[in-house]
Amino acid sequence: MTEESLTFIEKRDKEKYPKENLFVNAAIQYFGRKIEQEKIVGKLEDIQDKLERIERMLEEKAVRKNMVSDKVERKELFGKPDYLK
């Protein structure tokens, strides 16, 4: 262990952690939870990125659909050609 780690252990709350191993175990559990939380945050960021891509795709499809419906509306405004009547 490094000197810094040993100093940290010595400065622990001795009422809460009367033995060094209790303090070390609590620290390991804390860092384990922190690592797990970082993994979860990473997964959530990936999900957010995917949702943003899906949203962009839906917006692009909506724009294309509007463009197609505009063409249909223009055809309806001008009516059918005489040879189709």
Foldseek 3Di string as FASTA:
>chain_A
DDPVVVVVLVPDDCVVPVDSVVVVVVVVVVVVVVVVVVVVVVVVVVVVVVVVVVVVVVVVVVVVVVVVVVVVVVCVVVDDDPVVD
